[in-house]
N, C-alpha and C. Protein backbone atom coordinates (compact mmCIF):
# COMPACT_ATOMS: atom_id res chain seq x y z
N MET A 1 127.18 117.75 66.22
CA MET A 1 128.40 118.52 66.73
C MET A 1 128.06 120.08 66.26
N PRO A 2 128.65 121.33 67.30
CA PRO A 2 128.14 122.48 66.32
C PRO A 2 128.89 122.98 65.11
N LEU A 3 130.42 122.16 65.17
CA LEU A 3 131.42 122.21 63.85
C LEU A 3 131.02 121.54 63.11
N TYR A 4 131.05 122.38 61.62
CA TYR A 4 131.33 120.69 60.59
C TYR A 4 132.01 120.71 60.54
N THR A 5 132.20 119.33 59.69
CA THR A 5 133.04 118.31 59.73
C THR A 5 134.42 119.17 58.81
N ASN A 6 134.24 119.85 58.03
CA ASN A 6 135.15 120.71 57.16
C ASN A 6 135.65 121.89 57.99
N ALA A 7 135.25 122.12 59.35
CA ALA A 7 135.60 123.49 59.76
C ALA A 7 137.20 123.98 60.29
N ILE A 8 137.35 122.31 60.44
CA ILE A 8 138.68 122.36 61.23
C ILE A 8 140.08 123.54 59.96
N TYR A 9 139.81 122.58 59.14
CA TYR A 9 140.29 122.82 57.81
C TYR A 9 140.18 124.04 56.90
N LEU A 10 139.16 124.83 57.22
CA LEU A 10 138.70 126.65 56.69
C LEU A 10 139.00 127.22 57.88
N VAL A 11 139.09 126.56 59.08
CA VAL A 11 139.31 127.64 60.13
C VAL A 11 141.06 127.87 60.08
N ARG A 12 141.81 126.94 59.56
CA ARG A 12 143.29 126.34 59.52
C ARG A 12 143.29 127.44 58.06
N ALA A 13 142.25 127.47 57.10
CA ALA A 13 142.93 127.97 55.77
C ALA A 13 142.43 130.05 56.16
N ASN A 14 142.03 130.59 57.03
CA ASN A 14 141.76 131.64 57.27
C ASN A 14 142.86 131.81 58.14
N LEU A 15 143.32 131.46 58.75
CA LEU A 15 144.57 131.49 60.20
C LEU A 15 145.58 131.46 59.07
N VAL A 16 146.16 130.42 58.38
CA VAL A 16 147.42 130.88 57.63
C VAL A 16 147.22 131.88 56.32
N GLN A 17 146.17 132.16 55.76
CA GLN A 17 146.31 133.33 54.93
C GLN A 17 146.33 135.14 55.56
N ILE A 18 145.68 135.12 57.28
CA ILE A 18 146.34 136.06 57.96
C ILE A 18 147.55 135.99 58.35
N HIS A 19 148.20 135.27 58.89
CA HIS A 19 149.35 134.75 58.55
C HIS A 19 150.39 135.05 57.65
N GLU A 20 150.09 135.11 55.97
CA GLU A 20 150.76 135.25 55.09
C GLU A 20 150.36 136.80 54.81
N GLY A 21 149.87 137.44 55.91
CA GLY A 21 149.74 139.20 55.35
C GLY A 21 148.30 139.50 54.21
N GLY A 22 147.29 137.74 54.55
CA GLY A 22 146.39 138.10 53.74
C GLY A 22 145.05 138.65 54.18
N ARG A 23 144.28 138.39 53.60
CA ARG A 23 142.84 138.78 53.94
C ARG A 23 141.59 137.64 54.28
N ALA A 24 141.32 137.32 55.25
CA ALA A 24 140.87 136.12 55.26
C ALA A 24 138.91 136.54 54.84
N SER A 25 138.45 135.45 54.49
CA SER A 25 137.08 135.45 54.03
C SER A 25 136.33 134.55 55.21
N LEU A 26 135.05 135.80 55.66
CA LEU A 26 134.36 135.24 56.32
C LEU A 26 133.53 133.58 55.61
N ILE A 27 133.75 132.54 57.26
CA ILE A 27 133.13 131.36 56.64
C ILE A 27 132.44 130.75 57.47
N VAL A 28 131.44 129.95 57.50
CA VAL A 28 130.51 129.21 58.28
C VAL A 28 131.56 127.86 58.95
N ILE A 29 131.36 127.91 59.99
CA ILE A 29 131.98 126.55 60.41
C ILE A 29 131.31 125.65 61.31
N GLY A 30 129.69 126.13 61.53
CA GLY A 30 129.41 125.21 62.14
C GLY A 30 128.20 125.68 62.91
N GLU A 31 127.20 125.02 63.63
CA GLU A 31 125.76 125.22 63.96
C GLU A 31 125.94 125.17 65.44
N LEU A 32 125.47 126.18 66.11
CA LEU A 32 125.10 125.62 67.94
C LEU A 32 124.00 124.82 68.28
N THR A 33 123.94 123.99 69.11
CA THR A 33 122.88 122.93 69.80
C THR A 33 121.93 123.54 69.48
N GLN A 34 120.45 122.86 69.68
CA GLN A 34 119.32 123.48 70.40
C GLN A 34 119.32 124.33 71.48
N THR A 35 119.68 123.46 72.50
CA THR A 35 120.06 123.91 73.68
C THR A 35 121.21 125.13 73.99
N GLN A 36 122.11 124.76 73.28
CA GLN A 36 123.66 126.40 73.56
C GLN A 36 122.41 127.80 72.70
N PHE A 37 121.82 127.14 72.11
CA PHE A 37 121.12 128.65 71.06
C PHE A 37 119.61 128.87 71.94
N ALA A 38 119.64 128.01 72.36
CA ALA A 38 118.42 128.55 73.57
C ALA A 38 118.19 129.26 75.02
N ASP A 39 119.97 128.77 75.26
CA ASP A 39 120.40 129.14 76.34
C ASP A 39 121.33 130.59 76.15
N ILE A 40 121.82 130.52 74.93
CA ILE A 40 122.13 132.25 74.51
C ILE A 40 120.49 133.28 74.39
N HIS A 41 119.60 132.64 73.96
CA HIS A 41 118.61 133.34 74.32
C HIS A 41 118.28 133.78 75.30
N VAL A 42 118.28 132.54 76.21
CA VAL A 42 117.59 133.14 77.89
C VAL A 42 118.81 134.02 78.22
N GLU A 43 120.26 134.16 77.97
CA GLU A 43 121.31 135.40 78.25
C GLU A 43 120.49 136.62 77.27
N GLN A 44 120.03 136.62 76.65
CA GLN A 44 120.22 137.51 76.01
C GLN A 44 119.34 138.33 76.57
N THR A 45 118.18 137.58 76.97
CA THR A 45 116.66 138.31 77.57
C THR A 45 116.74 138.94 78.36
N LYS A 46 117.93 138.04 79.10
CA LYS A 46 118.04 138.41 80.87
C LYS A 46 118.59 139.97 80.84
N TYR A 47 119.79 139.94 79.99
CA TYR A 47 120.14 141.57 79.92
C TYR A 47 119.67 142.47 78.56
N SER A 48 118.30 141.95 78.30
CA SER A 48 118.20 142.99 77.32
C SER A 48 118.95 142.97 76.36
N GLN A 49 119.69 141.79 75.88
CA GLN A 49 119.87 141.87 73.81
C GLN A 49 119.58 141.99 73.19
N PRO A 50 119.82 142.18 72.36
CA PRO A 50 119.09 141.52 70.62
C PRO A 50 119.24 140.29 70.77
N LEU A 51 118.10 139.42 70.34
CA LEU A 51 118.67 137.68 70.43
C LEU A 51 118.83 137.60 68.99
N LEU A 52 120.02 136.41 69.50
CA LEU A 52 120.36 135.97 68.37
C LEU A 52 119.83 135.24 66.88
N GLN A 53 119.64 135.26 65.82
CA GLN A 53 118.45 135.16 64.81
C GLN A 53 118.67 133.80 64.83
N SER A 54 120.03 133.04 64.06
CA SER A 54 120.45 131.73 63.38
C SER A 54 121.69 131.22 64.32
N PRO A 55 121.37 129.84 64.58
CA PRO A 55 122.39 129.14 65.18
C PRO A 55 123.92 128.61 64.83
N GLU A 56 123.22 129.35 63.48
CA GLU A 56 124.74 129.59 62.69
C GLU A 56 126.22 129.83 63.16
N ILE A 57 127.18 129.55 63.43
CA ILE A 57 128.35 130.23 63.90
C ILE A 57 129.22 130.12 62.79
N VAL A 58 129.94 131.48 62.54
CA VAL A 58 130.68 132.24 61.08
C VAL A 58 131.93 132.14 62.08
N PHE A 59 133.38 132.57 61.21
CA PHE A 59 134.15 132.70 61.77
C PHE A 59 135.24 133.48 60.47
N LEU A 60 136.11 134.62 60.87
CA LEU A 60 137.05 135.57 60.23
C LEU A 60 138.59 135.14 60.81
N GLY A 61 138.47 135.48 62.01
CA GLY A 61 139.97 134.82 62.79
C GLY A 61 141.05 136.06 63.12
N ARG A 62 140.37 137.43 62.26
CA ARG A 62 142.16 137.98 63.12
C ARG A 62 142.58 138.25 63.84
N HIS A 63 141.31 138.93 65.36
CA HIS A 63 141.48 138.67 66.70
C HIS A 63 141.97 137.66 67.04
N PHE A 64 141.63 136.43 66.98
CA PHE A 64 142.04 135.45 67.56
C PHE A 64 143.29 135.34 67.33
N TYR A 65 143.60 135.41 65.33
CA TYR A 65 145.14 135.34 65.51
C TYR A 65 146.17 135.92 66.28
N ASN A 66 145.63 137.62 65.92
CA ASN A 66 146.60 138.45 66.60
C ASN A 66 146.57 138.11 68.70
N SER A 67 145.56 137.59 69.15
CA SER A 67 145.34 137.35 70.46
C SER A 67 145.88 136.60 70.56
N ARG A 68 146.06 135.06 69.85
CA ARG A 68 146.46 133.87 70.72
C ARG A 68 147.81 133.61 70.01
N MET A 69 148.47 134.02 68.45
CA MET A 69 149.77 133.22 67.86
C MET A 69 150.60 134.28 67.97
N VAL A 70 149.96 136.10 68.00
CA VAL A 70 151.01 137.17 67.66
C VAL A 70 151.45 137.71 69.53
N LYS A 71 150.20 137.57 69.86
CA LYS A 71 150.59 138.02 71.91
C LYS A 71 150.48 136.87 72.41
N ASN A 72 150.26 135.72 72.70
CA ASN A 72 150.75 134.91 73.04
C ASN A 72 151.34 133.35 72.72
N ALA A 73 151.69 133.75 71.99
CA ALA A 73 153.20 132.72 70.83
C ALA A 73 151.79 131.25 70.80
N TYR A 74 150.93 131.09 70.63
CA TYR A 74 150.23 129.94 70.62
C TYR A 74 150.59 129.46 68.70
N THR A 75 150.31 128.42 68.41
CA THR A 75 150.72 127.88 66.90
C THR A 75 149.39 127.86 66.36
N ILE A 76 149.13 127.47 65.19
CA ILE A 76 147.99 127.48 64.29
C ILE A 76 147.28 125.95 65.03
N ASP A 77 147.75 125.14 65.25
CA ASP A 77 147.48 124.01 65.50
C ASP A 77 147.09 123.83 67.34
N ASP A 78 147.77 124.83 67.51
CA ASP A 78 146.85 125.17 69.05
C ASP A 78 145.61 125.75 69.12
N LEU A 79 145.51 126.84 67.87
CA LEU A 79 144.26 127.70 68.13
C LEU A 79 143.18 126.32 67.52
N LEU A 80 143.34 125.55 66.53
CA LEU A 80 142.34 124.34 65.80
C LEU A 80 142.10 123.66 66.96
N LEU A 81 142.82 123.69 68.06
CA LEU A 81 141.90 122.34 69.27
C LEU A 81 141.69 123.30 70.40
N GLN A 82 141.85 124.88 70.32
CA GLN A 82 141.27 125.24 71.14
C GLN A 82 139.71 125.45 70.61
N VAL A 83 139.46 125.77 69.32
CA VAL A 83 138.29 125.65 68.87
C VAL A 83 137.27 124.51 68.62
N GLU A 84 137.88 123.84 68.60
CA GLU A 84 137.15 122.03 68.76
C GLU A 84 136.93 122.05 70.10
N SER A 85 137.78 122.13 71.15
CA SER A 85 137.36 121.96 72.33
C SER A 85 136.08 123.56 72.63
N ALA A 86 136.45 124.83 72.50
CA ALA A 86 135.29 125.85 73.10
C ALA A 86 133.79 125.12 72.48
N LEU A 87 134.16 124.92 71.05
CA LEU A 87 132.72 124.34 70.11
C LEU A 87 132.74 123.21 70.37
N ASP A 88 132.67 122.65 71.58
CA ASP A 88 131.88 121.08 71.49
C ASP A 88 130.64 121.20 71.80
N VAL A 89 130.29 119.92 71.54
CA VAL A 89 128.54 119.60 71.92
C VAL A 89 128.04 119.60 73.43
N THR A 90 129.20 119.29 74.43
CA THR A 90 128.94 119.60 75.45
C THR A 90 129.36 120.71 76.41
N SER A 91 130.14 121.72 74.89
CA SER A 91 130.48 123.40 75.84
C SER A 91 128.60 124.23 76.23
N GLN A 92 129.05 124.45 77.23
CA GLN A 92 127.78 125.18 77.90
C GLN A 92 127.86 126.47 77.99
N VAL A 93 126.79 127.57 78.07
CA VAL A 93 126.60 128.61 77.59
C VAL A 93 127.46 129.92 79.20
N ILE A 94 128.10 130.85 78.84
CA ILE A 94 128.52 131.74 80.49
C ILE A 94 127.50 132.48 80.53
N PRO A 95 127.11 132.27 81.39
CA PRO A 95 126.38 133.45 81.52
C PRO A 95 126.78 135.10 82.32
N THR A 96 126.49 135.99 81.96
CA THR A 96 127.53 136.94 81.58
C THR A 96 126.26 138.66 80.72
N ASN A 97 126.64 139.89 81.18
CA ASN A 97 125.84 140.79 80.61
C ASN A 97 127.17 141.46 79.81
N ARG A 98 128.39 141.10 79.41
CA ARG A 98 129.38 141.55 79.03
C ARG A 98 129.95 141.07 77.77
N MET A 99 129.38 139.86 77.56
CA MET A 99 129.76 139.45 76.24
C MET A 99 128.55 137.50 76.05
N THR A 100 128.69 137.35 74.88
CA THR A 100 128.41 136.08 74.90
C THR A 100 129.31 134.56 74.33
N GLY A 101 129.52 133.98 75.42
CA GLY A 101 130.55 132.80 75.36
C GLY A 101 130.04 131.91 75.64
N MET A 102 130.48 130.60 75.39
CA MET A 102 130.46 129.13 75.76
C MET A 102 132.09 128.38 76.28
N LYS A 103 132.10 128.15 77.15
CA LYS A 103 132.96 127.13 77.98
C LYS A 103 132.78 125.78 77.89
N SER A 104 134.13 124.75 77.30
CA SER A 104 133.91 123.36 77.14
C SER A 104 133.84 122.87 78.83
N THR A 105 133.27 121.78 78.83
CA THR A 105 132.83 121.09 80.70
C THR A 105 134.18 120.31 80.29
N VAL A 106 134.98 120.11 79.38
CA VAL A 106 136.06 118.74 79.96
C VAL A 106 137.43 119.69 79.43
N LEU A 107 138.06 119.12 80.76
CA LEU A 107 139.49 119.85 80.82
C LEU A 107 140.70 118.87 79.75
N ARG A 108 141.22 120.08 78.74
CA ARG A 108 142.09 119.53 78.01
C ARG A 108 143.62 119.68 78.58
N ASN A 109 144.39 119.01 77.71
CA ASN A 109 145.96 119.08 78.15
C ASN A 109 146.26 119.91 77.04
N ASP A 110 147.01 121.41 77.05
CA ASP A 110 147.15 122.16 76.21
C ASP A 110 148.57 122.08 75.61
N GLY A 111 149.35 121.01 75.94
CA GLY A 111 150.39 120.80 75.65
C GLY A 111 151.91 121.44 76.13
N TYR A 112 151.67 122.23 76.89
CA TYR A 112 152.27 123.39 77.52
C TYR A 112 152.64 122.66 79.10
N GLY A 113 152.03 121.80 79.49
CA GLY A 113 152.18 121.74 81.30
C GLY A 113 150.60 122.04 81.51
N ASN A 114 149.32 123.11 81.08
CA ASN A 114 148.46 123.10 81.70
C ASN A 114 146.62 122.10 81.51
N GLN A 115 146.12 122.09 82.72
CA GLN A 115 144.94 121.59 81.92
C GLN A 115 143.76 122.91 81.72
N VAL A 116 143.29 123.16 80.63
CA VAL A 116 142.74 124.01 80.25
C VAL A 116 141.35 123.86 79.95
N TYR A 117 140.27 124.98 80.70
CA TYR A 117 138.94 124.53 79.86
C TYR A 117 138.98 126.23 78.87
N ASP A 118 138.28 125.73 77.65
CA ASP A 118 139.01 126.65 76.59
C ASP A 118 136.77 127.46 75.86
N GLN A 119 137.27 128.33 76.33
CA GLN A 119 136.05 129.75 76.10
C GLN A 119 136.03 130.46 75.05
N ALA A 120 135.18 129.95 74.23
CA ALA A 120 134.60 130.40 73.26
C ALA A 120 133.75 131.70 73.31
N ILE A 121 134.43 133.30 72.64
CA ILE A 121 134.01 134.81 72.98
C ILE A 121 133.42 134.62 71.16
N PHE A 122 131.96 135.05 71.52
CA PHE A 122 131.48 135.42 69.73
C PHE A 122 130.77 137.00 69.92
N GLU A 123 131.26 137.35 68.83
CA GLU A 123 130.81 138.72 68.34
C GLU A 123 129.18 138.68 67.73
N MET A 124 128.26 139.46 68.22
CA MET A 124 126.98 138.91 67.97
C MET A 124 126.35 140.21 67.35
N THR A 125 126.78 141.08 66.98
CA THR A 125 126.01 142.29 66.51
C THR A 125 126.86 142.50 64.61
N SER A 126 128.08 142.72 64.76
CA SER A 126 128.55 142.19 62.99
C SER A 126 127.97 141.85 62.01
N ARG A 127 128.02 140.20 62.52
CA ARG A 127 127.90 139.35 61.55
C ARG A 127 126.15 138.68 61.58
N LYS A 128 124.94 140.28 62.23
CA LYS A 128 123.95 139.48 62.10
C LYS A 128 123.28 138.94 60.74
N PRO A 129 122.92 137.57 60.85
CA PRO A 129 122.06 137.17 62.32
C PRO A 129 122.96 135.66 62.69
N ARG A 130 123.65 135.99 62.46
CA ARG A 130 124.85 134.72 62.92
C ARG A 130 125.68 135.19 64.08
N ALA A 131 126.17 134.53 64.99
CA ALA A 131 127.51 134.51 65.88
C ALA A 131 128.65 134.45 65.58
N GLU A 132 129.51 135.24 65.58
CA GLU A 132 131.09 135.42 64.82
C GLU A 132 131.96 134.39 65.93
N LEU A 133 132.55 133.43 65.42
CA LEU A 133 133.50 132.97 66.67
C LEU A 133 134.63 134.31 66.80
N TYR A 134 134.72 134.82 67.62
CA TYR A 134 135.43 135.93 67.96
C TYR A 134 137.42 135.38 68.45
N SER A 135 137.16 134.37 68.96
CA SER A 135 138.64 134.38 70.09
C SER A 135 137.97 133.19 70.70
N VAL A 136 139.25 132.38 71.00
CA VAL A 136 138.66 131.41 71.82
C VAL A 136 140.17 131.86 73.11
N ILE A 137 139.55 131.37 74.66
CA ILE A 137 140.50 131.93 75.46
C ILE A 137 140.97 130.16 75.98
N PRO A 138 142.77 129.90 76.57
CA PRO A 138 142.18 128.58 77.11
C PRO A 138 142.43 129.40 78.63
N LYS A 139 141.43 128.83 79.32
CA LYS A 139 141.14 129.45 80.77
C LYS A 139 142.02 127.82 81.42
N GLY A 140 142.99 128.75 82.32
CA GLY A 140 143.94 128.08 82.82
C GLY A 140 145.15 127.71 82.37
N ASP A 141 145.31 128.32 81.86
CA ASP A 141 147.20 128.20 80.55
C ASP A 141 148.12 129.06 80.91
N HIS A 142 148.39 128.70 82.81
CA HIS A 142 149.51 129.45 83.43
C HIS A 142 150.60 129.27 83.14
N ILE A 143 151.05 127.99 82.33
CA ILE A 143 152.50 128.01 81.82
C ILE A 143 152.42 128.44 80.17
N SER A 144 152.73 129.56 79.77
CA SER A 144 152.62 129.92 78.24
C SER A 144 153.82 129.60 77.82
N PRO A 145 153.01 129.20 75.97
CA PRO A 145 154.26 128.73 74.91
C PRO A 145 155.55 129.54 75.24
N SER A 146 156.33 128.80 74.74
CA SER A 146 158.15 129.62 75.06
C SER A 146 158.08 130.45 73.87
N PRO A 147 158.43 131.64 73.76
CA PRO A 147 158.76 132.73 72.76
C PRO A 147 159.79 131.88 71.41
N ALA A 148 160.56 131.11 71.80
CA ALA A 148 161.66 130.45 71.04
C ALA A 148 160.61 129.18 70.67
N ALA A 149 160.20 128.91 71.42
CA ALA A 149 159.40 127.75 70.22
C ALA A 149 158.31 128.40 69.59
N ALA A 150 157.95 129.38 69.87
CA ALA A 150 157.32 129.96 68.93
C ALA A 150 157.78 130.71 67.71
N ALA A 151 158.91 131.52 67.99
CA ALA A 151 159.79 132.16 66.84
C ALA A 151 159.97 131.12 65.83
N ALA A 152 160.40 129.55 66.17
CA ALA A 152 160.50 128.78 65.54
C ALA A 152 159.63 128.28 64.48
N TYR A 153 158.08 128.10 65.06
CA TYR A 153 157.08 128.09 64.49
C TYR A 153 156.97 129.14 63.32
N GLN A 154 156.79 130.72 63.74
CA GLN A 154 156.83 131.44 62.87
C GLN A 154 157.61 131.37 61.53
N ALA A 155 158.84 131.11 62.31
CA ALA A 155 159.69 131.11 60.72
C ALA A 155 159.70 129.90 60.25
N SER A 156 158.86 128.76 60.50
CA SER A 156 158.31 127.68 59.67
C SER A 156 157.10 128.01 58.63
N MET A 157 156.41 129.07 59.27
CA MET A 157 155.25 128.78 58.77
C MET A 157 155.84 129.93 57.20
N ALA A 158 156.56 130.76 57.60
CA ALA A 158 156.75 131.90 56.56
C ALA A 158 157.07 131.53 55.39
N PRO A 159 156.05 132.29 53.59
CA PRO A 159 156.70 131.80 52.86
C PRO A 159 157.91 131.50 52.53
N SER A 160 157.96 130.50 51.53
CA SER A 160 159.45 130.61 51.06
C SER A 160 159.47 131.28 49.69
N THR A 161 160.81 131.62 49.90
CA THR A 161 161.18 132.40 48.49
C THR A 161 162.80 132.40 48.79
N VAL A 162 163.20 132.04 47.10
CA VAL A 162 164.42 131.86 46.92
C VAL A 162 164.90 132.81 46.01
N ASN A 163 166.33 133.81 46.74
CA ASN A 163 166.80 134.65 45.45
C ASN A 163 168.21 134.20 44.83
N VAL A 164 167.95 133.82 43.42
CA VAL A 164 168.65 133.56 42.91
C VAL A 164 168.97 134.33 40.97
N THR A 165 170.46 134.57 41.67
CA THR A 165 171.22 135.75 40.26
C THR A 165 171.95 134.12 39.37
N LEU A 166 171.75 134.63 38.40
CA LEU A 166 171.66 134.07 37.02
C LEU A 166 172.79 134.68 36.10
N ALA A 167 173.85 133.94 35.75
CA ALA A 167 174.54 134.65 34.35
C ALA A 167 173.07 134.74 33.31
N PRO A 168 173.40 136.12 32.73
CA PRO A 168 172.86 136.72 31.76
C PRO A 168 171.99 134.99 30.89
N SER A 169 173.68 134.19 30.09
CA SER A 169 173.71 133.39 29.77
C SER A 169 172.64 132.13 29.74
N ILE A 170 172.89 131.83 31.10
CA ILE A 170 172.39 131.12 31.89
C ILE A 170 170.52 131.53 32.15
N ALA A 171 170.12 132.45 32.37
CA ALA A 171 168.72 133.01 32.15
C ALA A 171 168.22 133.13 31.08
N ALA A 172 169.25 133.80 29.89
CA ALA A 172 168.40 133.23 28.18
C ALA A 172 168.28 131.71 28.10
N THR A 173 168.85 130.61 28.69
CA THR A 173 168.35 129.66 27.99
C THR A 173 167.49 129.12 28.86
N ALA A 174 167.46 129.16 30.31
CA ALA A 174 166.21 129.28 31.06
C ALA A 174 165.06 130.00 30.73
N LEU A 175 165.26 131.21 30.34
CA LEU A 175 163.89 131.64 29.56
C LEU A 175 163.43 130.84 28.28
N SER A 176 164.44 130.64 27.37
CA SER A 176 164.57 129.58 26.03
C SER A 176 164.04 128.32 26.48
N MET A 177 163.75 127.85 27.28
CA MET A 177 163.50 126.21 27.24
C MET A 177 162.29 126.53 28.34
N LEU A 178 161.70 127.67 28.92
CA LEU A 178 160.65 127.87 29.37
C LEU A 178 159.42 128.73 27.97
N ASN A 179 160.16 129.51 27.67
CA ASN A 179 159.31 129.89 26.02
C ASN A 179 159.09 129.43 24.61
N GLY A 180 160.12 128.17 24.99
CA GLY A 180 160.75 127.29 23.68
C GLY A 180 161.23 128.50 22.66
N LEU A 181 161.59 129.44 22.81
CA LEU A 181 162.55 130.01 22.01
C LEU A 181 163.55 129.88 22.08
N ASP A 182 164.53 129.92 20.93
CA ASP A 182 165.93 129.69 20.89
C ASP A 182 166.62 131.11 21.26
N GLU A 183 167.78 130.31 22.29
CA GLU A 183 168.52 131.71 22.48
C GLU A 183 168.85 132.73 21.78
N ASP A 184 169.50 132.38 19.92
CA ASP A 184 170.30 133.31 19.36
C ASP A 184 169.32 134.49 19.05
N LYS A 185 167.74 134.27 19.06
CA LYS A 185 166.44 135.45 19.01
C LYS A 185 166.06 135.57 20.25
N LEU A 186 166.72 136.01 21.31
CA LEU A 186 166.50 136.31 22.72
C LEU A 186 167.56 138.04 23.10
N ASN A 187 168.45 137.64 22.36
CA ASN A 187 169.20 139.07 21.97
C ASN A 187 169.80 139.07 23.45
N VAL A 188 170.77 138.10 24.15
CA VAL A 188 171.32 138.18 25.04
C VAL A 188 172.49 138.65 25.17
N LYS A 189 173.62 139.76 25.83
CA LYS A 189 175.34 139.61 26.15
C LYS A 189 175.78 138.93 26.94
C-alpha cells in the first residue's frame, strides 16, 4: 500500500499544526507502488520531464490545507479521507503534460451527497528525488460543504484559551500553592 501505517496520523498532525498557525515539517507518508512509479516514469519520459528518482511520497500540507479547508470548507477528516482514497494501491497515474498525479479508481461517498474520484497532485521538483503530495482534488464534488458547518468546525478546532482576572489575594494564594511559597513572603497588597 502506498501509505504507511502511521501516515494518516502524521498528515493530521501537519494539518492541525498549520491550522493553529504553526509551521509543518516535511514528513514521509508512503511509497508509490512499483506500477505507479513505472507509470509516472513513462509519462515523464513522454513529456521530456525530469524522472522521479524515488518512490517515496512526502507531505507538508500548506497548499492542501488552504485549498480544501480554507477555500472549499472541508474538514481535516474530509482531507484525510481524500488522501487515503487518492493514494490507494489501486490508484492510477493521470496522463498529462501539465502535472503529475494519480486518480482513485473507486468512487467514494464524500458525505455531502457526492460520489467522487479523489485525484492526488504531486509536486516533483522541490523535494527531489521524492514526490511531494501537493494537493488532493475530489473530482465530482458538485455539492460543497456548507459554510456554516465549516465555520462551526473551524471554531471547534480553535486553540482553547481562558482569560481569568483574579483578585490579588487569590492570585497570591494560587502562586504560593504553585511555587510552594508562603503568602506573606509574596508582598501582595
